Amino acid sequence: MKKVVLFIAMSIDGYIADKNGNVDWLNGEDAGTENTDAYSAFIKEVDTVVMGWNTYHQVTAD
């Protein structure tokens, strides 16, 4: 059986997306911070990612 871990970014008022359905309030890492490369170790443990179409489209579209 696979282990399931759920990560949800949520604003303080309890919403995941803004009133227009955007998640652009989520920011990536600050370019000025030292890169400890924790993501590479994390992603090696990931087998499957599940996300909604709107989120996928927003993070993959320009």
PDB file of N, CA and C in Angstrom:
ATOM      1  N   MET A   1       0.832  -1.164   0.000  1.00  0.00           N
ATOM      2  CA  MET A   1       0.000   0.000   0.000  1.00  0.00           C
ATOM      3  C   MET A   1       0.888   1.242   0.000  1.00  0.00           C
ATOM      4  N   LYS A   2       0.513   2.237  -0.811  1.00  0.00           N
ATOM      5  CA  LYS A   2       1.284   3.468  -0.892  1.00  0.00           C
ATOM      6  C   LYS A   2       0.922   4.423   0.226  1.00  0.00           C
ATOM      7  N   LYS A   3       1.883   5.227   0.592  1.00  0.00           N
ATOM      8  CA  LYS A   3       1.690   6.267   1.587  1.00  0.00           C
ATOM      9  C   LYS A   3       1.160   7.510   0.879  1.00  0.00           C
ATOM     10  N   VAL A   4       0.132   8.135   1.424  1.00  0.00           N
ATOM     11  CA  VAL A   4      -0.441   9.344   0.850  1.00  0.00           C
ATOM     12  C   VAL A   4      -0.122  10.520   1.767  1.00  0.00           C
ATOM     13  N   VAL A   5       0.442  11.564   1.172  1.00  0.00           N
ATOM     14  CA  VAL A   5       0.735  12.792   1.902  1.00  0.00           C
ATOM     15  C   VAL A   5       0.040  13.921   1.170  1.00  0.00           C
ATOM     16  N   LEU A   6      -0.712  14.724   1.893  1.00  0.00           N
ATOM     17  CA  LEU A   6      -1.464  15.821   1.296  1.00  0.00           C
ATOM     18  C   LEU A   6      -0.847  17.148   1.710  1.00  0.00           C
ATOM     19  N   PHE A   7      -0.508  17.962   0.723  1.00  0.00           N
ATOM     20  CA  PHE A   7      -0.020  19.309   0.971  1.00  0.00           C
ATOM     21  C   PHE A   7      -1.008  20.279   0.334  1.00  0.00           C
ATOM     22  N   ILE A   8      -1.540  21.176   1.107  1.00  0.00           N
ATOM     23  CA  ILE A   8      -2.434  22.201   0.578  1.00  0.00           C
ATOM     24  C   ILE A   8      -1.963  23.549   1.108  1.00  0.00           C
ATOM     25  N   ALA A   9      -1.722  24.474   0.195  1.00  0.00           N
ATOM     26  CA  ALA A   9      -1.421  25.844   0.596  1.00  0.00           C
ATOM     27  C   ALA A   9      -2.754  26.566   0.709  1.00  0.00           C
ATOM     28  N   MET A  10      -2.946  27.239   1.829  1.00  0.00           N
ATOM     29  CA  MET A  10      -4.230  27.882   2.070  1.00  0.00           C
ATOM     30  C   MET A  10      -3.986  29.271   2.653  1.00  0.00           C
ATOM     31  N   SER A  11      -4.769  30.226   2.202  1.00  0.00           N
ATOM     32  CA  SER A  11      -4.659  31.571   2.761  1.00  0.00           C
ATOM     33  C   SER A  11      -5.224  31.579   4.175  1.00  0.00           C
ATOM     34  N   ILE A  12      -4.943  32.628   4.914  1.00  0.00           N
ATOM     35  CA  ILE A  12      -5.372  32.693   6.308  1.00  0.00           C
ATOM     36  C   ILE A  12      -6.900  32.700   6.454  1.00  0.00           C
ATOM     37  N   ASP A  13      -7.611  33.134   5.404  1.00  0.00           N
ATOM     38  CA  ASP A  13      -9.073  33.133   5.467  1.00  0.00           C
ATOM     39  C   ASP A  13      -9.684  31.814   5.006  1.00  0.00           C
ATOM     40  N   GLY A  14      -8.840  30.809   4.750  1.00  0.00           N
ATOM     41  CA  GLY A  14      -9.334  29.463   4.473  1.00  0.00           C
ATOM     42  C   GLY A  14      -9.519  29.108   3.014  1.00  0.00           C
ATOM     43  N   TYR A  15      -9.053  29.944   2.115  1.00  0.00           N
ATOM     44  CA  TYR A  15      -9.218  29.660   0.689  1.00  0.00           C
ATOM     45  C   TYR A  15      -7.916  29.157   0.078  1.00  0.00           C
ATOM     46  N   ILE A  16      -8.062  28.312  -0.923  1.00  0.00           N
ATOM     47  CA  ILE A  16      -6.897  27.821  -1.657  1.00  0.00           C
ATOM     48  C   ILE A  16      -6.630  28.747  -2.845  1.00  0.00           C
ATOM     49  N   ALA A  17      -7.668  29.139  -3.554  1.00  0.00           N
ATOM     50  CA  ALA A  17      -7.552  30.045  -4.697  1.00  0.00           C
ATOM     51  C   ALA A  17      -8.214  31.374  -4.348  1.00  0.00           C
ATOM     52  N   ASP A  18      -7.873  32.421  -5.103  1.00  0.00           N
ATOM     53  CA  ASP A  18      -8.531  33.703  -4.879  1.00  0.00           C
ATOM     54  C   ASP A  18      -9.916  33.698  -5.518  1.00  0.00           C
ATOM     55  N   LYS A  19     -10.628  34.814  -5.452  1.00  0.00           N
ATOM     56  CA  LYS A  19     -12.011  34.853  -5.939  1.00  0.00           C
ATOM     57  C   LYS A  19     -12.126  34.604  -7.439  1.00  0.00           C
ATOM     58  N   ASN A  20     -11.015  34.738  -8.174  1.00  0.00           N
ATOM     59  CA  ASN A  20     -11.014  34.466  -9.614  1.00  0.00           C
ATOM     60  C   ASN A  20     -10.483  33.074  -9.943  1.00  0.00           C
ATOM     61  N   GLY A  21     -10.204  32.269  -8.920  1.00  0.00           N
ATOM     62  CA  GLY A  21      -9.709  30.914  -9.133  1.00  0.00           C
ATOM     63  C   GLY A  21      -8.214  30.828  -9.330  1.00  0.00           C
ATOM     64  N   ASN A  22      -7.502  31.920  -9.130  1.00  0.00           N
ATOM     65  CA  ASN A  22      -6.047  31.938  -9.324  1.00  0.00           C
ATOM     66  C   ASN A  22      -5.307  31.545  -8.054  1.00  0.00           C
ATOM     67  N   VAL A  23      -4.134  30.990  -8.236  1.00  0.00           N
ATOM     68  CA  VAL A  23      -3.262  30.664  -7.103  1.00  0.00           C
ATOM     69  C   VAL A  23      -1.945  31.435  -7.213  1.00  0.00           C
ATOM     70  N   ASP A  24      -1.982  32.581  -7.883  1.00  0.00           N
ATOM     71  CA  ASP A  24      -0.761  33.349  -8.083  1.00  0.00           C
ATOM     72  C   ASP A  24      -0.240  33.989  -6.803  1.00  0.00           C
ATOM     73  N   TRP A  25      -1.008  33.912  -5.725  1.00  0.00           N
ATOM     74  CA  TRP A  25      -0.519  34.413  -4.432  1.00  0.00           C
ATOM     75  C   TRP A  25       0.521  33.471  -3.840  1.00  0.00           C
ATOM     76  N   LEU A  26       0.616  32.253  -4.390  1.00  0.00           N
ATOM     77  CA  LEU A  26       1.646  31.318  -3.950  1.00  0.00           C
ATOM     78  C   LEU A  26       2.956  31.697  -4.620  1.00  0.00           C
ATOM     79  N   ASN A  27       3.961  31.914  -3.849  1.00  0.00           N
ATOM     80  CA  ASN A  27       5.269  32.306  -4.386  1.00  0.00           C
ATOM     81  C   ASN A  27       6.242  31.160  -4.259  1.00  0.00           C
ATOM     82  N   GLY A  28       7.197  31.127  -5.169  1.00  0.00           N
ATOM     83  CA  GLY A  28       8.261  30.140  -5.093  1.00  0.00           C
ATOM     84  C   GLY A  28       9.316  30.599  -4.102  1.00  0.00           C
ATOM     85  N   GLU A  29      10.441  29.944  -4.137  1.00  0.00           N
ATOM     86  CA  GLU A  29      11.530  30.312  -3.244  1.00  0.00           C
ATOM     87  C   GLU A  29      12.119  31.652  -3.661  1.00  0.00           C
ATOM     88  N   ASP A  30      12.597  32.392  -2.701  1.00  0.00           N
ATOM     89  CA  ASP A  30      13.258  33.655  -2.957  1.00  0.00           C
ATOM     90  C   ASP A  30      14.570  33.384  -3.679  1.00  0.00           C
ATOM     91  N   ALA A  31      14.781  34.044  -4.792  1.00  0.00           N
ATOM     92  CA  ALA A  31      15.994  33.825  -5.587  1.00  0.00           C
ATOM     93  C   ALA A  31      17.254  34.186  -4.813  1.00  0.00           C
ATOM     94  N   GLY A  32      17.128  35.023  -3.786  1.00  0.00           N
ATOM     95  CA  GLY A  32      18.282  35.444  -3.019  1.00  0.00           C
ATOM     96  C   GLY A  32      18.680  34.500  -1.901  1.00  0.00           C
ATOM     97  N   THR A  33      17.870  33.471  -1.646  1.00  0.00           N
ATOM     98  CA  THR A  33      18.200  32.555  -0.556  1.00  0.00           C
ATOM     99  C   THR A  33      19.168  31.476  -1.030  1.00  0.00           C
ATOM    100  N   GLU A  34      19.918  30.950  -0.090  1.00  0.00           N
ATOM    101  CA  GLU A  34      20.866  29.891  -0.408  1.00  0.00           C
ATOM    102  C   GLU A  34      20.100  28.630  -0.795  1.00  0.00           C
ATOM    103  N   ASN A  35      20.512  27.992  -1.863  1.00  0.00           N
ATOM    104  CA  ASN A  35      19.844  26.786  -2.350  1.00  0.00           C
ATOM    105  C   ASN A  35      20.385  25.571  -1.606  1.00  0.00           C
ATOM    106  N   THR A  36      19.563  24.995  -0.744  1.00  0.00           N
ATOM    107  CA  THR A  36      19.988  23.796  -0.024  1.00  0.00           C
ATOM    108  C   THR A  36      19.587  22.536  -0.785  1.00  0.00           C
ATOM    109  N   ASP A  37      18.864  22.697  -1.876  1.00  0.00           N
ATOM    110  CA  ASP A  37      18.447  21.613  -2.759  1.00  0.00           C
ATOM    111  C   ASP A  37      17.656  20.530  -2.030  1.00  0.00           C
ATOM    112  N   ALA A  38      16.779  20.925  -1.149  1.00  0.00           N
ATOM    113  CA  ALA A  38      15.916  19.975  -0.457  1.00  0.00           C
ATOM    114  C   ALA A  38      14.890  19.381  -1.411  1.00  0.00           C
ATOM    115  N   TYR A  39      14.570  20.097  -2.487  1.00  0.00           N
ATOM    116  CA  TYR A  39      13.563  19.618  -3.429  1.00  0.00           C
ATOM    117  C   TYR A  39      14.003  18.340  -4.124  1.00  0.00           C
ATOM    118  N   SER A  40      15.253  18.242  -4.498  1.00  0.00           N
ATOM    119  CA  SER A  40      15.736  17.034  -5.190  1.00  0.00           C
ATOM    120  C   SER A  40      15.547  15.785  -4.341  1.00  0.00           C
ATOM    121  N   ALA A  41      15.849  15.888  -3.058  1.00  0.00           N
ATOM    122  CA  ALA A  41      15.653  14.740  -2.167  1.00  0.00           C
ATOM    123  C   ALA A  41      14.167  14.429  -2.013  1.00  0.00           C
ATOM    124  N   PHE A  42      13.347  15.476  -1.896  1.00  0.00           N
ATOM    125  CA  PHE A  42      11.905  15.291  -1.752  1.00  0.00           C
ATOM    126  C   PHE A  42      11.300  14.613  -2.979  1.00  0.00           C
ATOM    127  N   ILE A  43      11.616  15.103  -4.168  1.00  0.00           N
ATOM    128  CA  ILE A  43      10.970  14.615  -5.395  1.00  0.00           C
ATOM    129  C   ILE A  43      11.346  13.160  -5.695  1.00  0.00           C
ATOM    130  N   LYS A  44      12.470  12.695  -5.200  1.00  0.00           N
ATOM    131  CA  LYS A  44      12.853  11.297  -5.392  1.00  0.00           C
ATOM    132  C   LYS A  44      11.897  10.348  -4.688  1.00  0.00           C
ATOM    133  N   GLU A  45      11.223  10.846  -3.661  1.00  0.00           N
ATOM    134  CA  GLU A  45      10.278  10.039  -2.895  1.00  0.00           C
ATOM    135  C   GLU A  45       8.857  10.086  -3.459  1.00  0.00           C
ATOM    136  N   VAL A  46       8.613  10.974  -4.437  1.00  0.00           N
ATOM    137  CA  VAL A  46       7.267  11.150  -4.988  1.00  0.00           C
ATOM    138  C   VAL A  46       7.039  10.161  -6.121  1.00  0.00           C
ATOM    139  N   ASP A  47       5.905   9.456  -6.047  1.00  0.00           N
ATOM    140  CA  ASP A  47       5.539   8.507  -7.092  1.00  0.00           C
ATOM    141  C   ASP A  47       4.432   9.062  -7.978  1.00  0.00           C
ATOM    142  N   THR A  48       3.448   9.699  -7.388  1.00  0.00           N
ATOM    143  CA  THR A  48       2.276  10.186  -8.115  1.00  0.00           C
ATOM    144  C   THR A  48       1.876  11.553  -7.588  1.00  0.00           C
ATOM    145  N   VAL A  49       1.502  12.445  -8.490  1.00  0.00           N
ATOM    146  CA  VAL A  49       1.002  13.765  -8.112  1.00  0.00           C
ATOM    147  C   VAL A  49      -0.411  13.897  -8.644  1.00  0.00           C
ATOM    148  N   VAL A  50      -1.317  14.356  -7.792  1.00  0.00           N
ATOM    149  CA  VAL A  50      -2.699  14.583  -8.199  1.00  0.00           C
ATOM    150  C   VAL A  50      -3.001  16.058  -7.986  1.00  0.00           C
ATOM    151  N   MET A  51      -3.455  16.730  -9.042  1.00  0.00           N
ATOM    152  CA  MET A  51      -3.857  18.130  -8.909  1.00  0.00           C
ATOM    153  C   MET A  51      -4.966  18.406  -9.910  1.00  0.00           C
ATOM    154  N   GLY A  52      -5.730  19.424  -9.622  1.00  0.00           N
ATOM    155  CA  GLY A  52      -6.819  19.810 -10.512  1.00  0.00           C
ATOM    156  C   GLY A  52      -6.297  20.478 -11.772  1.00  0.00           C
ATOM    157  N   TRP A  53      -7.136  20.491 -12.798  1.00  0.00           N
ATOM    158  CA  TRP A  53      -6.755  21.068 -14.086  1.00  0.00           C
ATOM    159  C   TRP A  53      -6.391  22.540 -13.969  1.00  0.00           C
ATOM    160  N   ASN A  54      -7.182  23.323 -13.244  1.00  0.00           N
ATOM    161  CA  ASN A  54      -6.901  24.755 -13.150  1.00  0.00           C
ATOM    162  C   ASN A  54      -5.546  25.022 -12.516  1.00  0.00           C
ATOM    163  N   THR A  55      -5.212  24.313 -11.464  1.00  0.00           N
ATOM    164  CA  THR A  55      -3.910  24.479 -10.830  1.00  0.00           C
ATOM    165  C   THR A  55      -2.801  24.056 -11.790  1.00  0.00           C
ATOM    166  N   TYR A  56      -2.972  22.915 -12.429  1.00  0.00           N
ATOM    167  CA  TYR A  56      -1.966  22.433 -13.384  1.00  0.00           C
ATOM    168  C   TYR A  56      -1.740  23.452 -14.480  1.00  0.00           C
ATOM    169  N   HIS A  57      -2.829  23.959 -15.034  1.00  0.00           N
ATOM    170  CA  HIS A  57      -2.713  24.934 -16.133  1.00  0.00           C
ATOM    171  C   HIS A  57      -1.995  26.204 -15.671  1.00  0.00           C
ATOM    172  N   GLN A  58      -2.304  26.658 -14.458  1.00  0.00           N
ATOM    173  CA  GLN A  58      -1.668  27.883 -13.961  1.00  0.00           C
ATOM    174  C   GLN A  58      -0.180  27.698 -13.718  1.00  0.00           C
ATOM    175  N   VAL A  59       0.241  26.535 -13.264  1.00  0.00           N
ATOM    176  CA  VAL A  59       1.660  26.355 -12.980  1.00  0.00           C
ATOM    177  C   VAL A  59       2.469  25.955 -14.209  1.00  0.00           C
ATOM    178  N   THR A  60       1.796  25.571 -15.298  1.00  0.00           N
ATOM    179  CA  THR A  60       2.527  25.186 -16.506  1.00  0.00           C
ATOM    180  C   THR A  60       2.414  26.213 -17.637  1.00  0.00           C
ATOM    181  N   ALA A  61       1.437  27.106 -17.572  1.00  0.00           N
ATOM    182  CA  ALA A  61       1.258  28.123 -18.612  1.00  0.00           C
ATOM    183  C   ALA A  61       2.088  29.355 -18.287  1.00  0.00           C
ATOM    184  N   ASP A  62       2.462  30.065 -19.324  1.00  0.00           N
ATOM    185  CA  ASP A  62       3.223  31.330 -19.121  1.00  0.00           C
ATOM    186  C   ASP A  62       2.346  32.412 -18.618  1.00  0.00           C
TER     187      ASP A  62
END
